[in-house]
């Protein structure tokens, strides 16, 4: 997900004092939508126990990092040339679901790939969605998010 202004894109909402991350335990369902528990799915990438082996798994883990507000992971998995200085989280925004629409390349045999997804959210009680085609590449042997193109329609 990208770093545009919150009024145009909820992926970069404004920070408010005392923002607490939503509680997601290791045994809870993973926010990325896969059937594994968070600790066995995206949580293992967030802790640094291992790195995402594909662009799609990195996309899923970055979505989950937005859900749990893991700024360190998001910054660590962002390409250096496009990485922001920090990430702001809006306490009124809740990510509610991820749907992977398409992937191109991005496997262990590639150096680059794209993932097209639809991420649903509520902000201030109003539903919304973010439809993006994200670009990923390998940096020093690991997958990183480069940037994304916003797409129209859900």
Protein backbone atom coordinates (compact mmCIF):
# COMPACT_ATOMS: atom_id res chain seq x y z
CA UNK A 1 0.00 0.00 0.00
CA UNK A 2 1.27 3.43 -0.74
CA UNK A 3 1.96 6.58 1.23
CA UNK A 4 -0.43 9.19 -0.21
CA UNK A 5 -2.41 11.63 1.89
CA UNK A 6 -5.29 10.18 3.92
CA UNK A 7 -7.93 12.33 2.29
CA UNK A 8 -7.10 10.71 -1.05
CA UNK A 9 -5.91 7.35 0.26
CA UNK A 10 -6.51 5.76 3.66
CA UNK A 11 -3.23 3.84 3.48
CA UNK A 12 -1.58 6.95 4.93
CA UNK A 13 -4.02 8.33 7.48
CA UNK A 14 -3.04 10.95 10.03
CA UNK A 15 -1.72 9.92 13.44
CA UNK A 16 -3.62 10.84 16.56
CA UNK A 17 -2.21 10.82 20.07
CA UNK A 18 -2.64 7.57 21.96
CA UNK A 19 -3.26 5.39 18.91
CA UNK A 20 -3.34 1.78 20.06
CA UNK A 21 -2.91 -1.04 17.58
CA UNK A 22 -5.80 -3.48 17.28
CA UNK A 23 -5.13 -6.61 19.29
CA UNK A 24 -4.26 -9.61 17.12
CA UNK A 25 -2.86 -12.59 19.01
CA UNK A 26 -0.62 -15.29 17.57
CA UNK A 27 -3.54 -17.74 17.69
CA UNK A 28 -6.06 -15.38 16.06
CA UNK A 29 -7.00 -15.75 12.40
CA UNK A 30 -4.48 -13.92 10.23
CA UNK A 31 -5.80 -10.56 8.98
CA UNK A 32 -4.50 -11.34 5.46
CA UNK A 33 -7.35 -13.79 4.91
CA UNK A 34 -5.41 -17.04 4.71
CA UNK A 35 -6.59 -19.91 6.90
CA UNK A 36 -3.49 -20.01 9.14
CA UNK A 37 -3.24 -18.33 12.53
CA UNK A 38 -1.51 -14.93 12.58
CA UNK A 39 1.59 -16.30 14.37
CA UNK A 40 2.09 -18.99 11.72
CA UNK A 41 1.21 -16.73 8.81
CA UNK A 42 2.11 -13.02 8.65
CA UNK A 43 3.22 -12.80 12.28
CA UNK A 44 6.37 -14.82 11.53
CA UNK A 45 7.38 -12.21 8.94
CA UNK A 46 6.57 -9.33 11.31
CA UNK A 47 8.83 -10.75 14.03
CA UNK A 48 11.70 -11.21 11.58
CA UNK A 49 11.78 -14.99 12.08
CA UNK A 50 11.77 -15.31 8.29
CA UNK A 51 11.12 -13.20 5.20
CA UNK A 52 8.27 -13.46 2.73
CA UNK A 53 9.34 -15.81 -0.09
CA UNK A 54 7.01 -14.27 -2.71
CA UNK A 55 5.67 -10.85 -3.62
CA UNK A 56 2.12 -12.01 -2.80
CA UNK A 57 3.09 -13.14 0.69
CA UNK A 58 4.89 -9.84 1.22
CA UNK A 59 1.72 -8.00 0.12
CA UNK A 60 -0.37 -10.06 2.52
CA UNK A 61 2.08 -9.46 5.38
CA UNK A 62 2.16 -5.72 4.67
CA UNK A 63 -1.64 -5.60 4.73
CA UNK A 64 -1.55 -7.41 8.10
CA UNK A 65 1.09 -4.94 9.29
CA UNK A 66 -1.30 -2.09 8.50
CA UNK A 67 -3.99 -3.92 10.47
CA UNK A 68 -1.77 -4.32 13.56
CA UNK A 69 0.00 -0.99 12.93
CA UNK A 70 3.50 -2.45 12.73
CA UNK A 71 5.38 0.59 11.45
CA UNK A 72 8.82 -1.02 11.80
CA UNK A 73 7.85 -3.92 9.54
CA UNK A 74 6.27 -1.66 6.94
CA UNK A 75 9.36 0.53 6.76
CA UNK A 76 11.70 -2.49 6.71
CA UNK A 77 9.85 -3.97 3.73
CA UNK A 78 9.69 -0.74 1.72
CA UNK A 79 12.22 -0.12 -1.10
CA UNK A 80 14.80 2.45 0.09
CA UNK A 81 14.17 4.80 -2.84
CA UNK A 82 10.43 5.14 -2.11
CA UNK A 83 10.35 4.57 1.67
CA UNK A 84 8.74 7.37 3.71
CA UNK A 85 10.25 8.61 6.96
CA UNK A 86 7.35 7.30 9.01
CA UNK A 87 3.84 5.93 8.73
CA UNK A 88 0.83 7.59 10.30
CA UNK A 89 -2.11 5.53 11.50
CA UNK A 90 -5.63 6.90 12.00
CA UNK A 91 -7.43 5.34 14.97
CA UNK A 92 -10.76 5.73 13.16
CA UNK A 93 -9.57 3.48 10.31
CA UNK A 94 -9.96 -0.31 10.51
CA UNK A 95 -8.84 -2.62 7.72
CA UNK A 96 -11.57 -5.23 7.28
CA UNK A 97 -10.47 -7.54 4.48
CA UNK A 98 -7.99 -8.28 1.72
CA UNK A 99 -8.73 -9.81 -1.66
CA UNK A 100 -5.85 -10.66 -3.98
CA UNK A 101 -7.11 -10.08 -7.51
CA UNK A 102 -4.03 -10.91 -9.59
CA UNK A 103 -0.32 -11.64 -9.36
CA UNK A 104 2.35 -11.47 -12.03
CA UNK A 105 5.79 -12.96 -11.45
CA UNK A 106 7.02 -12.34 -7.90
CA UNK A 107 7.99 -15.94 -7.11
CA UNK A 108 11.28 -17.37 -5.90
CA UNK A 109 12.39 -17.43 -9.55
CA UNK A 110 11.79 -13.72 -10.23
CA UNK A 111 13.44 -10.42 -9.34
CA UNK A 112 10.24 -8.35 -9.66
CA UNK A 113 6.51 -8.85 -9.54
CA UNK A 114 3.14 -7.19 -9.17
CA UNK A 115 0.14 -7.90 -6.96
CA UNK A 116 -3.26 -6.41 -7.65
CA UNK A 117 -5.52 -6.32 -4.61
CA UNK A 118 -8.61 -4.84 -3.06
CA UNK A 119 -8.35 -3.89 0.60
CA UNK A 120 -11.55 -3.03 2.43
CA UNK A 121 -11.75 -0.72 5.42
CA UNK A 122 -14.04 1.40 7.53
CA UNK A 123 -13.06 4.94 8.45
CA UNK A 124 -15.18 6.88 10.88
CA UNK A 125 -17.83 4.20 10.51
CA UNK A 126 -18.00 4.56 6.71
CA UNK A 127 -16.97 1.62 4.48
CA UNK A 128 -14.42 2.05 1.73
CA UNK A 129 -11.91 0.19 -0.37
CA UNK A 130 -8.45 0.62 -1.81
CA UNK A 131 -7.82 -1.01 -5.20
CA UNK A 132 -4.13 -1.02 -6.10
CA UNK A 133 -1.60 -2.73 -8.35
CA UNK A 134 1.56 -2.87 -6.25
CA UNK A 135 5.06 -3.32 -7.61
CA UNK A 136 7.61 -5.39 -5.71
CA UNK A 137 11.26 -6.23 -6.33
CA UNK A 138 14.08 -7.99 -4.62
CA UNK A 139 16.45 -5.79 -2.62
CA UNK A 140 19.51 -7.45 -1.10
CA UNK A 141 17.83 -10.82 -1.64
CA UNK A 142 14.44 -10.04 -0.02
CA UNK A 143 11.13 -8.83 -1.43
CA UNK A 144 10.28 -5.16 -0.86
CA UNK A 145 7.35 -2.96 -1.82
CA UNK A 146 8.32 -0.33 -4.43
CA UNK A 147 5.12 1.59 -5.20
CA UNK A 148 1.58 1.19 -6.38
CA UNK A 149 -0.90 2.38 -8.95
CA UNK A 150 -4.42 3.11 -7.75
CA UNK A 151 -7.13 1.51 -9.84
CA UNK A 152 -10.72 2.57 -10.28
CA UNK A 153 -13.62 0.44 -9.16
CA UNK A 154 -13.90 -2.44 -6.76
